[in-house]
PDB file of N, CA and C in Angstrom:
ATOM      1  N   UNK A   1      33.373 -13.584  12.725  1.00  0.00           N
ATOM      2  CA  UNK A   1      32.472 -12.655  12.068  1.00  0.00           C
ATOM      3  C   UNK A   1      31.078 -13.279  12.007  1.00  0.00           C
ATOM      4  N   UNK A   2      30.068 -12.465  12.153  1.00  0.00           N
ATOM      5  CA  UNK A   2      28.686 -12.944  12.125  1.00  0.00           C
ATOM      6  C   UNK A   2      28.314 -13.379  10.712  1.00  0.00           C
ATOM      7  N   UNK A   3      27.534 -14.439  10.631  1.00  0.00           N
ATOM      8  CA  UNK A   3      27.085 -14.931   9.330  1.00  0.00           C
ATOM      9  C   UNK A   3      26.049 -14.009   8.715  1.00  0.00           C
ATOM     10  N   UNK A   4      25.150 -13.518   9.559  1.00  0.00           N
ATOM     11  CA  UNK A   4      24.072 -12.690   9.029  1.00  0.00           C
ATOM     12  C   UNK A   4      23.609 -11.740  10.111  1.00  0.00           C
ATOM     13  N   UNK A   5      23.589 -10.485   9.797  1.00  0.00           N
ATOM     14  CA  UNK A   5      23.068  -9.482  10.716  1.00  0.00           C
ATOM     15  C   UNK A   5      21.840  -8.866  10.082  1.00  0.00           C
ATOM     16  N   UNK A   6      20.730  -8.927  10.772  1.00  0.00           N
ATOM     17  CA  UNK A   6      19.493  -8.347  10.272  1.00  0.00           C
ATOM     18  C   UNK A   6      19.521  -6.843  10.513  1.00  0.00           C
ATOM     19  N   UNK A   7      19.285  -6.052   9.460  1.00  0.00           N
ATOM     20  CA  UNK A   7      19.286  -4.599   9.663  1.00  0.00           C
ATOM     21  C   UNK A   7      18.228  -4.188  10.684  1.00  0.00           C
ATOM     22  N   UNK A   8      18.584  -3.265  11.533  1.00  0.00           N
ATOM     23  CA  UNK A   8      17.674  -2.789  12.573  1.00  0.00           C
ATOM     24  C   UNK A   8      16.403  -2.202  11.978  1.00  0.00           C
ATOM     25  N   UNK A   9      16.538  -1.457  10.892  1.00  0.00           N
ATOM     26  CA  UNK A   9      15.388  -0.760  10.320  1.00  0.00           C
ATOM     27  C   UNK A   9      14.356  -1.716   9.727  1.00  0.00           C
ATOM     28  N   UNK A  10      14.742  -2.937   9.381  1.00  0.00           N
ATOM     29  CA  UNK A  10      13.782  -3.857   8.780  1.00  0.00           C
ATOM     30  C   UNK A  10      12.703  -4.266   9.776  1.00  0.00           C
ATOM     31  N   UNK A  11      12.992  -4.228  11.076  1.00  0.00           N
ATOM     32  CA  UNK A  11      11.972  -4.546  12.072  1.00  0.00           C
ATOM     33  C   UNK A  11      10.865  -3.504  12.080  1.00  0.00           C
ATOM     34  N   UNK A  12      11.220  -2.269  11.783  1.00  0.00           N
ATOM     35  CA  UNK A  12      10.249  -1.179  11.809  1.00  0.00           C
ATOM     36  C   UNK A  12       9.391  -1.128  10.552  1.00  0.00           C
ATOM     37  N   UNK A  13       9.867  -1.712   9.475  1.00  0.00           N
ATOM     38  CA  UNK A  13       9.219  -1.522   8.189  1.00  0.00           C
ATOM     39  C   UNK A  13       8.567  -2.777   7.616  1.00  0.00           C
ATOM     40  N   UNK A  14       8.427  -3.812   8.390  1.00  0.00           N
ATOM     41  CA  UNK A  14       7.788  -5.025   7.877  1.00  0.00           C
ATOM     42  C   UNK A  14       6.289  -4.814   7.771  1.00  0.00           C
ATOM     43  N   UNK A  15       5.728  -5.271   6.673  1.00  0.00           N
ATOM     44  CA  UNK A  15       4.290  -5.184   6.471  1.00  0.00           C
ATOM     45  C   UNK A  15       3.736  -6.595   6.609  1.00  0.00           C
ATOM     46  N   UNK A  16       2.810  -6.765   7.533  1.00  0.00           N
ATOM     47  CA  UNK A  16       2.245  -8.089   7.730  1.00  0.00           C
ATOM     48  C   UNK A  16       1.174  -8.360   6.686  1.00  0.00           C
ATOM     49  N   UNK A  17       1.063  -9.596   6.291  1.00  0.00           N
ATOM     50  CA  UNK A  17       0.065  -9.965   5.296  1.00  0.00           C
ATOM     51  C   UNK A  17       0.537  -9.674   3.888  1.00  0.00           C
ATOM     52  N   UNK A  18      -0.255 -10.089   2.928  1.00  0.00           N
ATOM     53  CA  UNK A  18       0.113  -9.924   1.534  1.00  0.00           C
ATOM     54  C   UNK A  18      -0.796  -8.956   0.806  1.00  0.00           C
ATOM     55  N   UNK A  19      -1.473  -8.071   1.519  1.00  0.00           N
ATOM     56  CA  UNK A  19      -2.382  -7.136   0.876  1.00  0.00           C
ATOM     57  C   UNK A  19      -1.618  -6.259  -0.115  1.00  0.00           C
ATOM     58  N   UNK A  20      -1.986  -6.342  -1.366  1.00  0.00           N
ATOM     59  CA  UNK A  20      -1.423  -5.582  -2.481  1.00  0.00           C
ATOM     60  C   UNK A  20       0.044  -5.895  -2.769  1.00  0.00           C
ATOM     61  N   UNK A  21       0.540  -7.023  -2.278  1.00  0.00           N
ATOM     62  CA  UNK A  21       1.911  -7.421  -2.584  1.00  0.00           C
ATOM     63  C   UNK A  21       2.014  -7.674  -4.086  1.00  0.00           C
ATOM     64  N   UNK A  22       2.966  -7.068  -4.731  1.00  0.00           N
ATOM     65  CA  UNK A  22       3.142  -7.212  -6.165  1.00  0.00           C
ATOM     66  C   UNK A  22       2.314  -6.227  -6.975  1.00  0.00           C
ATOM     67  N   UNK A  23       1.477  -5.449  -6.315  1.00  0.00           N
ATOM     68  CA  UNK A  23       0.648  -4.459  -7.015  1.00  0.00           C
ATOM     69  C   UNK A  23       1.292  -3.086  -6.898  1.00  0.00           C
ATOM     70  N   UNK A  24       1.615  -2.686  -5.689  1.00  0.00           N
ATOM     71  CA  UNK A  24       2.273  -1.398  -5.451  1.00  0.00           C
ATOM     72  C   UNK A  24       3.543  -1.630  -4.631  1.00  0.00           C
ATOM     73  N   UNK A  25       4.436  -0.646  -4.658  1.00  0.00           N
ATOM     74  CA  UNK A  25       5.719  -0.749  -3.967  1.00  0.00           C
ATOM     75  C   UNK A  25       5.550  -0.694  -2.447  1.00  0.00           C
ATOM     76  N   UNK A  26       6.607  -1.109  -1.756  1.00  0.00           N
ATOM     77  CA  UNK A  26       6.585  -1.158  -0.290  1.00  0.00           C
ATOM     78  C   UNK A  26       6.255   0.178   0.367  1.00  0.00           C
ATOM     79  N   UNK A  27       6.791   1.311  -0.079  1.00  0.00           N
ATOM     80  CA  UNK A  27       6.423   2.568   0.595  1.00  0.00           C
ATOM     81  C   UNK A  27       4.915   2.818   0.572  1.00  0.00           C
ATOM     82  N   UNK A  28       4.288   2.499  -0.538  1.00  0.00           N
ATOM     83  CA  UNK A  28       2.834   2.681  -0.635  1.00  0.00           C
ATOM     84  C   UNK A  28       2.110   1.687   0.267  1.00  0.00           C
ATOM     85  N   UNK A  29       2.584   0.462   0.323  1.00  0.00           N
ATOM     86  CA  UNK A  29       1.947  -0.544   1.186  1.00  0.00           C
ATOM     87  C   UNK A  29       2.106  -0.177   2.655  1.00  0.00           C
ATOM     88  N   UNK A  30       3.265   0.371   3.020  1.00  0.00           N
ATOM     89  CA  UNK A  30       3.469   0.807   4.410  1.00  0.00           C
ATOM     90  C   UNK A  30       2.537   1.962   4.751  1.00  0.00           C
ATOM     91  N   UNK A  31       2.326   2.862   3.795  1.00  0.00           N
ATOM     92  CA  UNK A  31       1.416   3.991   4.029  1.00  0.00           C
ATOM     93  C   UNK A  31      -0.001   3.493   4.275  1.00  0.00           C
ATOM     94  N   UNK A  32      -0.420   2.484   3.521  1.00  0.00           N
ATOM     95  CA  UNK A  32      -1.759   1.918   3.725  1.00  0.00           C
ATOM     96  C   UNK A  32      -1.844   1.235   5.083  1.00  0.00           C
ATOM     97  N   UNK A  33      -0.790   0.525   5.443  1.00  0.00           N
ATOM     98  CA  UNK A  33      -0.789  -0.151   6.742  1.00  0.00           C
ATOM     99  C   UNK A  33      -0.875   0.874   7.875  1.00  0.00           C
ATOM    100  N   UNK A  34      -0.162   1.986   7.724  1.00  0.00           N
ATOM    101  CA  UNK A  34      -0.184   3.036   8.744  1.00  0.00           C
ATOM    102  C   UNK A  34      -1.596   3.591   8.926  1.00  0.00           C
ATOM    103  N   UNK A  35      -2.360   3.667   7.849  1.00  0.00           N
ATOM    104  CA  UNK A  35      -3.736   4.161   7.897  1.00  0.00           C
ATOM    105  C   UNK A  35      -4.746   3.045   8.196  1.00  0.00           C
ATOM    106  N   UNK A  36      -4.235   1.845   8.449  1.00  0.00           N
ATOM    107  CA  UNK A  36      -5.055   0.668   8.761  1.00  0.00           C
ATOM    108  C   UNK A  36      -6.005   0.296   7.611  1.00  0.00           C
ATOM    109  N   UNK A  37      -5.501   0.444   6.384  1.00  0.00           N
ATOM    110  CA  UNK A  37      -6.241   0.039   5.187  1.00  0.00           C
ATOM    111  C   UNK A  37      -5.683  -1.306   4.763  1.00  0.00           C
ATOM    112  N   UNK A  38      -6.464  -2.359   5.021  1.00  0.00           N
ATOM    113  CA  UNK A  38      -5.978  -3.704   4.740  1.00  0.00           C
ATOM    114  C   UNK A  38      -6.917  -4.510   3.842  1.00  0.00           C
ATOM    115  N   UNK A  39      -7.807  -3.814   3.150  1.00  0.00           N
ATOM    116  CA  UNK A  39      -8.700  -4.499   2.215  1.00  0.00           C
ATOM    117  C   UNK A  39      -9.134  -3.515   1.130  1.00  0.00           C
ATOM    118  N   UNK A  40      -9.594  -4.058   0.020  1.00  0.00           N
ATOM    119  CA  UNK A  40     -10.078  -3.206  -1.066  1.00  0.00           C
ATOM    120  C   UNK A  40     -11.342  -2.462  -0.647  1.00  0.00           C
ATOM    121  N   UNK A  41     -12.117  -3.072   0.222  1.00  0.00           N
ATOM    122  CA  UNK A  41     -13.331  -2.418   0.716  1.00  0.00           C
ATOM    123  C   UNK A  41     -12.984  -1.139   1.481  1.00  0.00           C
ATOM    124  N   UNK A  42     -11.995  -1.214   2.356  1.00  0.00           N
ATOM    125  CA  UNK A  42     -11.564  -0.030   3.106  1.00  0.00           C
ATOM    126  C   UNK A  42     -10.925   0.993   2.170  1.00  0.00           C
ATOM    127  N   UNK A  43     -10.180   0.517   1.192  1.00  0.00           N
ATOM    128  CA  UNK A  43      -9.530   1.407   0.239  1.00  0.00           C
ATOM    129  C   UNK A  43     -10.551   2.170  -0.596  1.00  0.00           C
ATOM    130  N   UNK A  44     -11.672   1.544  -0.873  1.00  0.00           N
ATOM    131  CA  UNK A  44     -12.703   2.193  -1.695  1.00  0.00           C
ATOM    132  C   UNK A  44     -13.440   3.308  -0.937  1.00  0.00           C
ATOM    133  N   UNK A  45     -13.166   3.468   0.355  1.00  0.00           N
ATOM    134  CA  UNK A  45     -13.753   4.569   1.136  1.00  0.00           C
ATOM    135  C   UNK A  45     -12.978   5.870   0.966  1.00  0.00           C
ATOM    136  N   UNK A  46     -11.888   5.844   0.201  1.00  0.00           N
ATOM    137  CA  UNK A  46     -11.039   7.007  -0.010  1.00  0.00           C
ATOM    138  C   UNK A  46     -11.133   7.487  -1.455  1.00  0.00           C
ATOM    139  N   UNK A  47     -10.869   8.785  -1.660  1.00  0.00           N
ATOM    140  CA  UNK A  47     -10.787   9.321  -3.020  1.00  0.00           C
ATOM    141  C   UNK A  47      -9.336   9.194  -3.492  1.00  0.00           C
ATOM    142  N   UNK A  48      -9.138   9.318  -4.785  1.00  0.00           N
ATOM    143  CA  UNK A  48      -7.777   9.284  -5.330  1.00  0.00           C
ATOM    144  C   UNK A  48      -6.940  10.406  -4.731  1.00  0.00           C
ATOM    145  N   UNK A  49      -7.549  11.567  -4.582  1.00  0.00           N
ATOM    146  CA  UNK A  49      -6.843  12.724  -4.031  1.00  0.00           C
ATOM    147  C   UNK A  49      -6.366  12.459  -2.604  1.00  0.00           C
ATOM    148  N   UNK A  50      -7.197  11.788  -1.806  1.00  0.00           N
ATOM    149  CA  UNK A  50      -6.811  11.462  -0.428  1.00  0.00           C
ATOM    150  C   UNK A  50      -5.646  10.477  -0.415  1.00  0.00           C
ATOM    151  N   UNK A  51      -5.694   9.484  -1.282  1.00  0.00           N
ATOM    152  CA  UNK A  51      -4.618   8.486  -1.342  1.00  0.00           C
ATOM    153  C   UNK A  51      -3.307   9.136  -1.777  1.00  0.00           C
ATOM    154  N   UNK A  52      -3.373  10.069  -2.709  1.00  0.00           N
ATOM    155  CA  UNK A  52      -2.164  10.756  -3.170  1.00  0.00           C
ATOM    156  C   UNK A  52      -1.505  11.570  -2.068  1.00  0.00           C
ATOM    157  N   UNK A  53      -2.232  11.918  -1.031  1.00  0.00           N
ATOM    158  CA  UNK A  53      -1.679  12.684   0.088  1.00  0.00           C
ATOM    159  C   UNK A  53      -0.805  11.822   1.000  1.00  0.00           C
ATOM    160  N   UNK A  54      -0.963  10.494   0.940  1.00  0.00           N
ATOM    161  CA  UNK A  54      -0.181   9.601   1.792  1.00  0.00           C
ATOM    162  C   UNK A  54       1.276   9.595   1.323  1.00  0.00           C
ATOM    163  N   UNK A  55       2.182   9.629   2.266  1.00  0.00           N
ATOM    164  CA  UNK A  55       3.604   9.537   1.952  1.00  0.00           C
ATOM    165  C   UNK A  55       3.885   8.163   1.339  1.00  0.00           C
ATOM    166  N   UNK A  56       4.534   8.130   0.196  1.00  0.00           N
ATOM    167  CA  UNK A  56       4.833   6.863  -0.466  1.00  0.00           C
ATOM    168  C   UNK A  56       3.959   6.609  -1.673  1.00  0.00           C
ATOM    169  N   UNK A  57       2.958   7.464  -1.897  1.00  0.00           N
ATOM    170  CA  UNK A  57       2.071   7.297  -3.041  1.00  0.00           C
ATOM    171  C   UNK A  57       2.325   8.380  -4.068  1.00  0.00           C
ATOM    172  N   UNK A  58       2.303   7.978  -5.328  1.00  0.00           N
ATOM    173  CA  UNK A  58       2.404   8.898  -6.445  1.00  0.00           C
ATOM    174  C   UNK A  58       1.369   8.522  -7.490  1.00  0.00           C
ATOM    175  N   UNK A  59       1.402   9.220  -8.594  1.00  0.00           N
ATOM    176  CA  UNK A  59       0.424   8.972  -9.655  1.00  0.00           C
ATOM    177  C   UNK A  59       0.511   7.547 -10.185  1.00  0.00           C
ATOM    178  N   UNK A  60       1.728   7.017 -10.300  1.00  0.00           N
ATOM    179  CA  UNK A  60       1.901   5.668 -10.813  1.00  0.00           C
ATOM    180  C   UNK A  60       1.278   4.628  -9.884  1.00  0.00           C
ATOM    181  N   UNK A  61       1.469   4.778  -8.586  1.00  0.00           N
ATOM    182  CA  UNK A  61       0.890   3.840  -7.614  1.00  0.00           C
ATOM    183  C   UNK A  61      -0.632   3.883  -7.649  1.00  0.00           C
ATOM    184  N   UNK A  62      -1.184   5.080  -7.740  1.00  0.00           N
ATOM    185  CA  UNK A  62      -2.643   5.220  -7.788  1.00  0.00           C
ATOM    186  C   UNK A  62      -3.184   4.611  -9.077  1.00  0.00           C
ATOM    187  N   UNK A  63      -2.470   4.790 -10.174  1.00  0.00           N
ATOM    188  CA  UNK A  63      -2.886   4.208 -11.452  1.00  0.00           C
ATOM    189  C   UNK A  63      -2.920   2.679 -11.360  1.00  0.00           C
ATOM    190  N   UNK A  64      -1.896   2.092 -10.756  1.00  0.00           N
ATOM    191  CA  UNK A  64      -1.852   0.640 -10.569  1.00  0.00           C
ATOM    192  C   UNK A  64      -2.994   0.172  -9.669  1.00  0.00           C
ATOM    193  N   UNK A  65      -3.265   0.940  -8.612  1.00  0.00           N
ATOM    194  CA  UNK A  65      -4.364   0.598  -7.706  1.00  0.00           C
ATOM    195  C   UNK A  65      -5.712   0.631  -8.425  1.00  0.00           C
ATOM    196  N   UNK A  66      -5.924   1.641  -9.265  1.00  0.00           N
ATOM    197  CA  UNK A  66      -7.190   1.758  -9.991  1.00  0.00           C
ATOM    198  C   UNK A  66      -7.426   0.540 -10.877  1.00  0.00           C
ATOM    199  N   UNK A  67      -6.394   0.109 -11.587  1.00  0.00           N
ATOM    200  CA  UNK A  67      -6.520  -1.064 -12.455  1.00  0.00           C
ATOM    201  C   UNK A  67      -6.828  -2.301 -11.619  1.00  0.00           C
ATOM    202  N   UNK A  68      -6.096  -2.466 -10.523  1.00  0.00           N
ATOM    203  CA  UNK A  68      -6.303  -3.626  -9.647  1.00  0.00           C
ATOM    204  C   UNK A  68      -7.699  -3.608  -9.024  1.00  0.00           C
ATOM    205  N   UNK A  69      -8.129  -2.442  -8.575  1.00  0.00           N
ATOM    206  CA  UNK A  69      -9.451  -2.324  -7.960  1.00  0.00           C
ATOM    207  C   UNK A  69     -10.558  -2.590  -8.978  1.00  0.00           C
ATOM    208  N   UNK A  70     -10.429  -2.043 -10.184  1.00  0.00           N
ATOM    209  CA  UNK A  70     -11.430  -2.293 -11.235  1.00  0.00           C
ATOM    210  C   UNK A  70     -11.524  -3.775 -11.568  1.00  0.00           C
ATOM    211  N   UNK A  71     -10.391  -4.440 -11.591  1.00  0.00           N
ATOM    212  CA  UNK A  71     -10.367  -5.878 -11.869  1.00  0.00           C
ATOM    213  C   UNK A  71     -11.142  -6.665 -10.810  1.00  0.00           C
ATOM    214  N   UNK A  72     -11.147  -6.147  -9.589  1.00  0.00           N
ATOM    215  CA  UNK A  72     -11.849  -6.813  -8.482  1.00  0.00           C
ATOM    216  C   UNK A  72     -13.176  -6.142  -8.142  1.00  0.00           C
ATOM    217  N   UNK A  73     -13.692  -5.314  -9.059  1.00  0.00           N
ATOM    218  CA  UNK A  73     -15.003  -4.680  -8.935  1.00  0.00           C
ATOM    219  C   UNK A  73     -15.106  -3.695  -7.768  1.00  0.00           C
ATOM    220  N   UNK A  74     -14.036  -2.934  -7.559  1.00  0.00           N
ATOM    221  CA  UNK A  74     -14.019  -1.851  -6.576  1.00  0.00           C
ATOM    222  C   UNK A  74     -13.578  -0.583  -7.276  1.00  0.00           C
ATOM    223  N   UNK A  75     -13.842   0.554  -6.664  1.00  0.00           N
ATOM    224  CA  UNK A  75     -13.348   1.818  -7.204  1.00  0.00           C
ATOM    225  C   UNK A  75     -13.189   2.815  -6.061  1.00  0.00           C
ATOM    226  N   UNK A  76     -12.424   3.878  -6.355  1.00  0.00           N
ATOM    227  CA  UNK A  76     -12.272   4.928  -5.355  1.00  0.00           C
ATOM    228  C   UNK A  76     -13.567   5.694  -5.211  1.00  0.00           C
ATOM    229  N   UNK A  77     -13.716   6.320  -4.074  1.00  0.00           N
ATOM    230  CA  UNK A  77     -14.894   7.163  -3.804  1.00  0.00           C
ATOM    231  C   UNK A  77     -14.827   8.365  -4.748  1.00  0.00           C
ATOM    232  N   UNK A  78     -15.958   8.766  -5.314  1.00  0.00           N
ATOM    233  CA  UNK A  78     -15.945   9.911  -6.250  1.00  0.00           C
ATOM    234  C   UNK A  78     -15.606  11.230  -5.577  1.00  0.00           C
TER     235      UNK A  78
END
């Protein structure tokens, strides 16, 4: 019997880098990666409404992002 089998789907869902690790859940981080948003500067080019449209984002994730962004002197586009 094999000692360890890596699930096939994990290859498709790995997020490179640590951008927002521990701030928002993996589905939200994957959605940002899909849109090529890998910095707070790029994230600040979007409105809250636009971010909520991404699959994997909800009100709770956006709320966490707002707190994190404010702490680092960034904000969503008005």
